[in-house]
Amino acid sequence: MSRLVTYFSRDVKGWPGNARLFLFFSICGILTTFGAVFFPMIEASLRSLGATVVLAASNDENHPPENIIDGNTNTFWMSTGMYPQEFIIRFGEMTHFSSVTLDSYNIKHLKVEKNTSQNASHFEFVAEKELKRTEGNLQSNSISLNGSSATHLRFIINSGYDHFVSVHRIGVNK
């Protein structure tokens, strides 16, 4: 049986907070009385799914790799120049993916690989994508993983539109 919940946000960011709450209520089977229609969103934080960043090719102490999985597009991991750059995300258990979403800046060419073992030693190609330049805005891209299952995902940034790139958030669609 569903419960009816009315929610009025005092969230400074406005509707995004309401949309995340709506998603939470939808997952829990709670009906809401919002005055707008929301589309399903991806998981707000990979960290909440037990994911960790186990490797990053570069590290800036002000913008660490862990920011990729915190669900917040205001925090980010930033490369320190030179290509390729890569990072590996490990999931707590074998996870099924239909696609990943990437919020980034200045990435030109990205390749995604997967691993299905507990150690991150051998990866298989899954997808690659040429991202469009979005001057002054985040690049928001969805990359199909064709229903892959993996314990690790490796993201390889082969080139960028500048010397430095940033990754603000990775999300998964199961």
N, C-alpha and C. Protein backbone atom coordinates (compact mmCIF):
# COMPACT_ATOMS: atom_id res chain seq x y z
N MET A 1 0.83 -1.17 0.00
CA MET A 1 0.00 0.00 0.00
C MET A 1 0.89 1.24 0.00
N SER A 2 0.53 2.24 -0.81
CA SER A 2 1.31 3.46 -0.92
C SER A 2 0.79 4.52 0.03
N ARG A 3 1.71 5.37 0.48
CA ARG A 3 1.34 6.51 1.30
C ARG A 3 1.40 7.76 0.44
N LEU A 4 0.56 8.73 0.74
CA LEU A 4 0.58 9.99 0.01
C LEU A 4 1.38 10.99 0.82
N VAL A 5 2.40 11.60 0.19
CA VAL A 5 3.27 12.55 0.87
C VAL A 5 3.27 13.86 0.09
N THR A 6 3.04 14.96 0.79
CA THR A 6 3.17 16.27 0.18
C THR A 6 4.47 16.86 0.69
N TYR A 7 5.29 17.38 -0.22
CA TYR A 7 6.59 17.90 0.17
C TYR A 7 6.80 19.28 -0.43
N PHE A 8 7.14 20.24 0.40
CA PHE A 8 7.48 21.58 -0.05
C PHE A 8 8.93 21.81 0.32
N SER A 9 9.78 22.05 -0.66
CA SER A 9 11.21 22.16 -0.42
C SER A 9 11.62 23.56 -0.01
N ARG A 10 12.56 23.63 0.88
CA ARG A 10 13.22 24.89 1.20
C ARG A 10 14.65 24.83 0.66
N ASP A 11 14.88 23.90 -0.23
CA ASP A 11 16.17 23.69 -0.86
C ASP A 11 16.57 24.94 -1.65
N VAL A 12 17.75 25.48 -1.38
CA VAL A 12 18.22 26.68 -2.05
C VAL A 12 18.30 26.48 -3.56
N LYS A 13 18.62 25.26 -3.98
CA LYS A 13 18.76 24.97 -5.40
C LYS A 13 17.41 24.77 -6.09
N GLY A 14 16.33 24.73 -5.33
CA GLY A 14 15.00 24.64 -5.93
C GLY A 14 14.64 23.25 -6.38
N TRP A 15 14.14 23.12 -7.61
CA TRP A 15 13.57 21.87 -8.12
C TRP A 15 14.52 20.69 -8.13
N PRO A 16 15.84 20.85 -8.35
CA PRO A 16 16.68 19.64 -8.35
C PRO A 16 16.57 18.85 -7.05
N GLY A 17 16.48 19.55 -5.92
CA GLY A 17 16.31 18.85 -4.65
C GLY A 17 14.99 18.11 -4.60
N ASN A 18 13.95 18.74 -5.11
CA ASN A 18 12.63 18.11 -5.15
C ASN A 18 12.66 16.90 -6.08
N ALA A 19 13.36 17.01 -7.20
CA ALA A 19 13.43 15.89 -8.14
C ALA A 19 14.12 14.69 -7.50
N ARG A 20 15.20 14.95 -6.76
CA ARG A 20 15.88 13.84 -6.08
C ARG A 20 14.96 13.21 -5.04
N LEU A 21 14.23 14.04 -4.29
CA LEU A 21 13.31 13.53 -3.29
C LEU A 21 12.19 12.74 -3.96
N PHE A 22 11.69 13.24 -5.09
CA PHE A 22 10.66 12.54 -5.84
C PHE A 22 11.16 11.17 -6.26
N LEU A 23 12.42 11.10 -6.73
CA LEU A 23 12.99 9.81 -7.12
C LEU A 23 13.03 8.87 -5.92
N PHE A 24 13.47 9.39 -4.76
CA PHE A 24 13.52 8.57 -3.56
C PHE A 24 12.13 8.05 -3.21
N PHE A 25 11.14 8.94 -3.25
CA PHE A 25 9.78 8.52 -2.94
C PHE A 25 9.28 7.50 -3.95
N SER A 26 9.63 7.68 -5.22
CA SER A 26 9.19 6.75 -6.26
C SER A 26 9.78 5.37 -6.03
N ILE A 27 11.07 5.32 -5.70
CA ILE A 27 11.72 4.04 -5.44
C ILE A 27 11.08 3.35 -4.25
N CYS A 28 10.70 4.13 -3.23
CA CYS A 28 10.11 3.56 -2.02
C CYS A 28 8.61 3.28 -2.16
N GLY A 29 8.03 3.62 -3.31
CA GLY A 29 6.61 3.35 -3.53
C GLY A 29 5.69 4.33 -2.82
N ILE A 30 6.17 5.56 -2.61
CA ILE A 30 5.37 6.58 -1.94
C ILE A 30 4.84 7.54 -3.00
N LEU A 31 3.52 7.80 -2.98
CA LEU A 31 2.95 8.76 -3.92
C LEU A 31 3.24 10.18 -3.45
N THR A 32 3.51 11.09 -4.40
CA THR A 32 3.79 12.47 -4.04
C THR A 32 2.76 13.39 -4.68
N THR A 33 2.63 14.59 -4.14
CA THR A 33 1.71 15.57 -4.70
C THR A 33 2.49 16.77 -5.21
N PHE A 34 3.39 16.56 -6.12
CA PHE A 34 4.11 17.67 -6.75
C PHE A 34 3.22 18.25 -7.83
N GLY A 35 3.43 19.54 -8.11
CA GLY A 35 2.66 20.20 -9.15
C GLY A 35 3.35 20.11 -10.50
N ALA A 36 4.27 19.20 -10.67
CA ALA A 36 5.00 19.07 -11.94
C ALA A 36 5.29 17.60 -12.19
N VAL A 37 5.59 17.29 -13.42
CA VAL A 37 5.95 15.93 -13.79
C VAL A 37 7.46 15.84 -13.83
N PHE A 38 8.03 14.83 -13.20
CA PHE A 38 9.46 14.62 -13.20
C PHE A 38 9.78 13.34 -13.93
N PHE A 39 10.89 13.36 -14.62
CA PHE A 39 11.37 12.16 -15.29
C PHE A 39 12.32 11.44 -14.36
N PRO A 40 12.43 10.12 -14.47
CA PRO A 40 13.33 9.38 -13.60
C PRO A 40 14.76 9.89 -13.73
N MET A 41 15.45 9.98 -12.60
CA MET A 41 16.84 10.40 -12.59
C MET A 41 17.71 9.21 -12.21
N ILE A 42 19.00 9.34 -12.47
CA ILE A 42 19.92 8.29 -12.09
C ILE A 42 20.22 8.37 -10.60
N GLU A 43 20.87 7.38 -10.09
CA GLU A 43 21.27 7.35 -8.69
C GLU A 43 22.10 8.59 -8.39
N ALA A 44 21.76 9.31 -7.33
CA ALA A 44 22.43 10.57 -7.01
C ALA A 44 23.89 10.37 -6.61
N SER A 45 24.23 9.25 -6.01
CA SER A 45 25.59 9.05 -5.54
C SER A 45 26.01 7.60 -5.71
N LEU A 46 27.06 7.38 -6.49
CA LEU A 46 27.59 6.03 -6.62
C LEU A 46 28.17 5.56 -5.29
N ARG A 47 28.65 6.50 -4.49
CA ARG A 47 29.18 6.15 -3.18
C ARG A 47 28.12 5.43 -2.35
N SER A 48 26.85 5.84 -2.50
CA SER A 48 25.77 5.20 -1.74
C SER A 48 25.53 3.76 -2.20
N LEU A 49 26.03 3.41 -3.39
CA LEU A 49 25.93 2.03 -3.88
C LEU A 49 27.16 1.20 -3.51
N GLY A 50 28.05 1.77 -2.71
CA GLY A 50 29.25 1.07 -2.30
C GLY A 50 30.40 1.20 -3.28
N ALA A 51 30.31 2.13 -4.22
CA ALA A 51 31.38 2.32 -5.20
C ALA A 51 32.52 3.13 -4.60
N THR A 52 33.73 2.86 -5.09
CA THR A 52 34.92 3.61 -4.70
C THR A 52 35.77 3.87 -5.93
N VAL A 53 36.51 4.95 -5.90
CA VAL A 53 37.49 5.21 -6.95
C VAL A 53 38.79 4.57 -6.48
N VAL A 54 39.25 3.55 -7.21
CA VAL A 54 40.43 2.81 -6.76
C VAL A 54 41.70 3.25 -7.48
N LEU A 55 41.57 4.02 -8.56
CA LEU A 55 42.75 4.50 -9.27
C LEU A 55 42.38 5.76 -10.04
N ALA A 56 43.28 6.72 -10.03
CA ALA A 56 43.15 7.91 -10.88
C ALA A 56 44.55 8.27 -11.35
N ALA A 57 44.67 8.60 -12.63
CA ALA A 57 45.98 8.87 -13.22
C ALA A 57 46.60 10.14 -12.66
N SER A 58 45.79 11.06 -12.16
CA SER A 58 46.32 12.28 -11.57
C SER A 58 45.49 12.63 -10.35
N ASN A 59 46.08 13.49 -9.51
CA ASN A 59 45.40 13.83 -8.27
C ASN A 59 45.75 15.26 -7.87
N ASP A 60 44.74 16.09 -7.76
CA ASP A 60 44.87 17.45 -7.25
C ASP A 60 44.21 17.43 -5.89
N GLU A 61 44.94 17.79 -4.84
CA GLU A 61 44.39 17.68 -3.49
C GLU A 61 43.12 18.52 -3.28
N ASN A 62 42.93 19.56 -4.09
CA ASN A 62 41.71 20.37 -3.98
C ASN A 62 40.54 19.77 -4.76
N HIS A 63 40.84 18.85 -5.67
CA HIS A 63 39.81 18.22 -6.50
C HIS A 63 40.10 16.73 -6.63
N PRO A 64 39.92 15.97 -5.54
CA PRO A 64 40.30 14.55 -5.53
C PRO A 64 39.36 13.66 -6.35
N PRO A 65 39.83 12.48 -6.73
CA PRO A 65 39.02 11.56 -7.53
C PRO A 65 37.71 11.15 -6.88
N GLU A 66 37.63 11.12 -5.56
CA GLU A 66 36.41 10.73 -4.86
C GLU A 66 35.24 11.64 -5.20
N ASN A 67 35.52 12.85 -5.66
CA ASN A 67 34.45 13.78 -6.03
C ASN A 67 33.62 13.26 -7.20
N ILE A 68 34.18 12.36 -8.00
CA ILE A 68 33.47 11.81 -9.16
C ILE A 68 32.21 11.07 -8.72
N ILE A 69 32.25 10.42 -7.57
CA ILE A 69 31.15 9.54 -7.15
C ILE A 69 30.30 10.12 -6.02
N ASP A 70 30.50 11.40 -5.68
CA ASP A 70 29.73 11.96 -4.56
C ASP A 70 28.34 12.46 -4.96
N GLY A 71 28.02 12.43 -6.27
CA GLY A 71 26.69 12.82 -6.73
C GLY A 71 26.49 14.32 -6.85
N ASN A 72 27.51 15.11 -6.59
CA ASN A 72 27.40 16.57 -6.58
C ASN A 72 28.17 17.14 -7.78
N THR A 73 27.48 17.81 -8.69
CA THR A 73 28.16 18.37 -9.86
C THR A 73 28.96 19.63 -9.52
N ASN A 74 28.85 20.13 -8.29
CA ASN A 74 29.66 21.29 -7.88
C ASN A 74 31.06 20.88 -7.43
N THR A 75 31.26 19.60 -7.15
CA THR A 75 32.60 19.10 -6.82
C THR A 75 33.07 18.29 -8.02
N PHE A 76 34.38 18.14 -8.17
CA PHE A 76 34.89 17.45 -9.35
C PHE A 76 36.31 16.96 -9.15
N TRP A 77 36.71 16.03 -10.00
CA TRP A 77 38.09 15.58 -10.14
C TRP A 77 38.66 16.32 -11.34
N MET A 78 39.88 16.79 -11.21
CA MET A 78 40.51 17.52 -12.31
C MET A 78 41.83 16.85 -12.66
N SER A 79 42.05 16.69 -13.96
CA SER A 79 43.31 16.12 -14.41
C SER A 79 44.42 17.14 -14.23
N THR A 80 45.64 16.68 -14.31
CA THR A 80 46.79 17.57 -14.18
C THR A 80 47.50 17.74 -15.52
N GLY A 81 46.76 17.60 -16.59
CA GLY A 81 47.32 17.78 -17.92
C GLY A 81 47.75 16.45 -18.53
N MET A 82 48.26 16.49 -19.75
CA MET A 82 48.74 15.32 -20.50
C MET A 82 47.69 14.24 -20.64
N TYR A 83 47.73 13.55 -21.75
CA TYR A 83 46.78 12.47 -22.04
C TYR A 83 47.55 11.22 -22.41
N PRO A 84 46.97 10.05 -22.18
CA PRO A 84 45.61 9.80 -21.66
C PRO A 84 45.55 9.99 -20.14
N GLN A 85 44.34 10.22 -19.65
CA GLN A 85 44.02 10.25 -18.22
C GLN A 85 43.02 9.12 -18.00
N GLU A 86 43.04 8.52 -16.83
CA GLU A 86 42.06 7.47 -16.55
C GLU A 86 41.73 7.40 -15.09
N PHE A 87 40.59 6.80 -14.81
CA PHE A 87 40.21 6.48 -13.44
C PHE A 87 39.38 5.20 -13.46
N ILE A 88 39.45 4.47 -12.36
CA ILE A 88 38.73 3.20 -12.23
C ILE A 88 37.80 3.28 -11.03
N ILE A 89 36.55 2.89 -11.26
CA ILE A 89 35.55 2.82 -10.20
C ILE A 89 35.25 1.36 -9.92
N ARG A 90 35.34 0.98 -8.63
CA ARG A 90 35.02 -0.39 -8.21
C ARG A 90 33.67 -0.37 -7.49
N PHE A 91 32.85 -1.36 -7.81
CA PHE A 91 31.54 -1.49 -7.18
C PHE A 91 31.61 -2.58 -6.12
N GLY A 92 30.78 -2.48 -5.10
CA GLY A 92 30.80 -3.43 -4.00
C GLY A 92 30.50 -4.86 -4.41
N GLU A 93 29.80 -5.03 -5.51
CA GLU A 93 29.45 -6.35 -6.02
C GLU A 93 29.26 -6.26 -7.53
N MET A 94 29.12 -7.38 -8.18
CA MET A 94 28.86 -7.39 -9.62
C MET A 94 27.60 -6.57 -9.87
N THR A 95 27.69 -5.61 -10.77
CA THR A 95 26.59 -4.68 -11.02
C THR A 95 26.24 -4.69 -12.50
N HIS A 96 24.96 -4.65 -12.81
CA HIS A 96 24.48 -4.63 -14.19
C HIS A 96 24.22 -3.18 -14.60
N PHE A 97 24.70 -2.79 -15.79
CA PHE A 97 24.56 -1.42 -16.28
C PHE A 97 23.92 -1.43 -17.65
N SER A 98 22.95 -0.55 -17.86
CA SER A 98 22.47 -0.33 -19.22
C SER A 98 23.24 0.85 -19.82
N SER A 99 23.57 1.84 -18.97
CA SER A 99 24.34 2.98 -19.44
C SER A 99 24.95 3.71 -18.26
N VAL A 100 25.89 4.59 -18.57
CA VAL A 100 26.45 5.50 -17.57
C VAL A 100 26.22 6.91 -18.06
N THR A 101 26.07 7.83 -17.12
CA THR A 101 26.00 9.24 -17.47
C THR A 101 27.24 9.92 -16.91
N LEU A 102 27.71 10.88 -17.66
CA LEU A 102 28.94 11.57 -17.33
C LEU A 102 28.70 13.06 -17.42
N ASP A 103 28.96 13.77 -16.33
CA ASP A 103 28.95 15.23 -16.33
C ASP A 103 30.41 15.65 -16.23
N SER A 104 30.90 16.35 -17.25
CA SER A 104 32.32 16.65 -17.36
C SER A 104 32.53 17.99 -18.03
N TYR A 105 33.80 18.35 -18.16
CA TYR A 105 34.16 19.58 -18.85
C TYR A 105 35.45 19.36 -19.64
N ASN A 106 35.43 19.71 -20.91
CA ASN A 106 36.58 19.70 -21.81
C ASN A 106 37.04 18.32 -22.28
N ILE A 107 36.29 17.26 -22.04
CA ILE A 107 36.68 15.94 -22.54
C ILE A 107 36.31 15.85 -24.02
N LYS A 108 37.24 15.38 -24.83
CA LYS A 108 36.98 15.23 -26.26
C LYS A 108 36.69 13.77 -26.61
N HIS A 109 37.56 12.85 -26.21
CA HIS A 109 37.38 11.43 -26.54
C HIS A 109 37.49 10.58 -25.28
N LEU A 110 36.46 9.75 -25.05
CA LEU A 110 36.38 8.92 -23.85
C LEU A 110 36.15 7.48 -24.24
N LYS A 111 36.82 6.58 -23.56
CA LYS A 111 36.64 5.14 -23.76
C LYS A 111 36.27 4.53 -22.41
N VAL A 112 35.32 3.58 -22.41
CA VAL A 112 34.89 2.89 -21.19
C VAL A 112 35.20 1.41 -21.34
N GLU A 113 35.81 0.84 -20.30
CA GLU A 113 36.12 -0.59 -20.27
C GLU A 113 35.57 -1.17 -18.97
N LYS A 114 35.38 -2.49 -18.97
CA LYS A 114 34.84 -3.15 -17.78
C LYS A 114 35.74 -4.31 -17.36
N ASN A 115 35.57 -4.70 -16.10
CA ASN A 115 36.27 -5.84 -15.53
C ASN A 115 35.24 -6.60 -14.71
N THR A 116 35.31 -7.93 -14.73
CA THR A 116 34.32 -8.73 -14.00
C THR A 116 34.93 -9.53 -12.85
N SER A 117 36.22 -9.34 -12.58
CA SER A 117 36.84 -10.07 -11.48
C SER A 117 37.01 -9.14 -10.27
N GLN A 118 37.46 -9.70 -9.16
CA GLN A 118 37.65 -8.90 -7.96
C GLN A 118 38.89 -8.00 -8.04
N ASN A 119 39.88 -8.42 -8.83
CA ASN A 119 41.05 -7.55 -9.01
C ASN A 119 40.92 -6.83 -10.35
N ALA A 120 41.47 -5.66 -10.41
CA ALA A 120 41.32 -4.83 -11.61
C ALA A 120 42.52 -4.97 -12.53
N SER A 121 42.70 -6.18 -13.05
CA SER A 121 43.90 -6.42 -13.85
C SER A 121 43.63 -6.55 -15.34
N HIS A 122 42.47 -7.04 -15.73
CA HIS A 122 42.17 -7.24 -17.15
C HIS A 122 40.84 -6.58 -17.49
N PHE A 123 40.85 -5.69 -18.47
CA PHE A 123 39.64 -4.96 -18.85
C PHE A 123 39.26 -5.26 -20.28
N GLU A 124 37.96 -5.22 -20.53
CA GLU A 124 37.41 -5.42 -21.88
C GLU A 124 36.75 -4.13 -22.34
N PHE A 125 36.92 -3.81 -23.61
CA PHE A 125 36.30 -2.63 -24.21
C PHE A 125 34.77 -2.75 -24.14
N VAL A 126 34.10 -1.65 -23.77
CA VAL A 126 32.64 -1.62 -23.76
C VAL A 126 32.11 -0.55 -24.71
N ALA A 127 32.66 0.65 -24.63
CA ALA A 127 32.13 1.75 -25.44
C ALA A 127 33.15 2.87 -25.55
N GLU A 128 32.97 3.71 -26.56
CA GLU A 128 33.74 4.94 -26.64
C GLU A 128 32.88 6.01 -27.27
N LYS A 129 33.23 7.25 -26.98
CA LYS A 129 32.40 8.35 -27.46
C LYS A 129 33.25 9.60 -27.64
N GLU A 130 32.94 10.30 -28.70
CA GLU A 130 33.50 11.63 -28.95
C GLU A 130 32.50 12.62 -28.36
N LEU A 131 32.94 13.42 -27.40
CA LEU A 131 32.05 14.36 -26.73
C LEU A 131 32.15 15.73 -27.39
N LYS A 132 31.02 16.42 -27.46
CA LYS A 132 30.97 17.75 -28.05
C LYS A 132 31.45 18.78 -27.04
N ARG A 133 32.11 19.79 -27.55
CA ARG A 133 32.57 20.88 -26.71
C ARG A 133 31.37 21.73 -26.29
N THR A 134 31.31 22.06 -25.02
CA THR A 134 30.23 22.90 -24.50
C THR A 134 30.88 24.04 -23.74
N GLU A 135 31.20 25.09 -24.44
CA GLU A 135 31.90 26.23 -23.86
C GLU A 135 31.11 26.83 -22.70
N GLY A 136 31.72 26.82 -21.51
CA GLY A 136 31.10 27.43 -20.35
C GLY A 136 30.05 26.59 -19.64
N ASN A 137 29.73 25.41 -20.16
CA ASN A 137 28.74 24.53 -19.55
C ASN A 137 29.30 23.13 -19.40
N LEU A 138 28.73 22.37 -18.49
CA LEU A 138 29.13 20.98 -18.34
C LEU A 138 28.68 20.17 -19.54
N GLN A 139 29.48 19.19 -19.91
CA GLN A 139 29.09 18.20 -20.92
C GLN A 139 28.29 17.14 -20.18
N SER A 140 27.06 16.91 -20.58
CA SER A 140 26.25 15.85 -19.99
C SER A 140 25.99 14.82 -21.06
N ASN A 141 26.55 13.64 -20.88
CA ASN A 141 26.46 12.59 -21.89
C ASN A 141 26.02 11.28 -21.27
N SER A 142 25.23 10.53 -22.02
CA SER A 142 24.86 9.18 -21.65
C SER A 142 25.59 8.24 -22.61
N ILE A 143 26.20 7.22 -22.03
CA ILE A 143 26.96 6.27 -22.83
C ILE A 143 26.38 4.88 -22.61
N SER A 144 25.89 4.26 -23.66
CA SER A 144 25.30 2.93 -23.56
C SER A 144 26.38 1.90 -23.27
N LEU A 145 26.10 1.02 -22.31
CA LEU A 145 27.01 -0.08 -21.99
C LEU A 145 26.41 -1.41 -22.40
N ASN A 146 25.33 -1.37 -23.16
CA ASN A 146 24.72 -2.57 -23.74
C ASN A 146 24.43 -3.67 -22.74
N GLY A 147 23.95 -3.32 -21.56
CA GLY A 147 23.58 -4.33 -20.58
C GLY A 147 24.76 -5.08 -20.00
N SER A 148 25.89 -4.42 -19.85
CA SER A 148 27.09 -5.05 -19.29
C SER A 148 26.96 -5.26 -17.79
N SER A 149 27.67 -6.26 -17.30
CA SER A 149 27.83 -6.46 -15.87
C SER A 149 29.31 -6.33 -15.56
N ALA A 150 29.63 -5.72 -14.41
CA ALA A 150 31.03 -5.50 -14.08
C ALA A 150 31.21 -5.27 -12.59
N THR A 151 32.43 -5.49 -12.14
CA THR A 151 32.83 -5.12 -10.79
C THR A 151 33.62 -3.82 -10.82
N HIS A 152 34.25 -3.53 -11.97
CA HIS A 152 35.02 -2.30 -12.15
C HIS A 152 34.68 -1.68 -13.50
N LEU A 153 34.66 -0.36 -13.56
CA LEU A 153 34.59 0.36 -14.82
C LEU A 153 35.81 1.27 -14.91
N ARG A 154 36.49 1.20 -16.05
CA ARG A 154 37.64 2.08 -16.29
C ARG A 154 37.25 3.10 -17.35
N PHE A 155 37.49 4.36 -17.05
CA PHE A 155 37.22 5.47 -17.96
C PHE A 155 38.56 6.02 -18.42
N ILE A 156 38.79 6.00 -19.73
CA ILE A 156 40.05 6.48 -20.29
C ILE A 156 39.74 7.71 -21.13
N ILE A 157 40.34 8.82 -20.73
CA ILE A 157 40.17 10.08 -21.46
C ILE A 157 41.39 10.20 -22.38
N ASN A 158 41.16 9.94 -23.67
CA ASN A 158 42.27 9.95 -24.63
C ASN A 158 42.66 11.34 -25.09
N SER A 159 41.70 12.28 -25.09
CA SER A 159 42.02 13.65 -25.51
C SER A 159 40.98 14.60 -24.94
N GLY A 160 41.37 15.86 -24.90
CA GLY A 160 40.50 16.90 -24.40
C GLY A 160 40.56 18.13 -25.28
N TYR A 161 39.67 19.07 -25.01
CA TYR A 161 39.65 20.33 -25.74
C TYR A 161 40.62 21.34 -25.15
N ASP A 162 41.26 20.99 -24.04
CA ASP A 162 42.23 21.84 -23.38
C ASP A 162 43.22 20.92 -22.67
N HIS A 163 44.21 21.49 -22.01
CA HIS A 163 45.20 20.68 -21.29
C HIS A 163 44.59 19.98 -20.07
N PHE A 164 43.57 20.59 -19.49
CA PHE A 164 42.95 20.06 -18.29
C PHE A 164 41.49 19.70 -18.56
N VAL A 165 41.03 18.62 -17.95
CA VAL A 165 39.62 18.22 -18.02
C VAL A 165 39.13 18.02 -16.59
N SER A 166 37.82 18.02 -16.42
CA SER A 166 37.25 17.72 -15.11
C SER A 166 36.07 16.78 -15.28
N VAL A 167 35.91 15.89 -14.29
CA VAL A 167 34.77 15.00 -14.24
C VAL A 167 34.02 15.34 -12.97
N HIS A 168 32.77 15.76 -13.12
CA HIS A 168 31.97 16.23 -12.00
C HIS A 168 31.09 15.14 -11.41
N ARG A 169 30.63 14.22 -12.26
CA ARG A 169 29.77 13.17 -11.72
C ARG A 169 29.67 12.03 -12.72
N ILE A 170 29.70 10.83 -12.19
CA ILE A 170 29.40 9.61 -12.96
C ILE A 170 28.16 9.01 -12.31
N GLY A 171 27.19 8.63 -13.12
CA GLY A 171 26.00 7.96 -12.63
C GLY A 171 25.76 6.72 -13.46
N VAL A 172 25.03 5.78 -12.93
CA VAL A 172 24.74 4.55 -13.67
C VAL A 172 23.23 4.35 -13.77
N ASN A 173 22.83 3.80 -14.87
CA ASN A 173 21.45 3.36 -15.06
C ASN A 173 21.50 1.84 -15.15
N LYS A 174 20.76 1.20 -14.28
CA LYS A 174 20.79 -0.26 -14.22
C LYS A 174 19.77 -0.85 -15.16
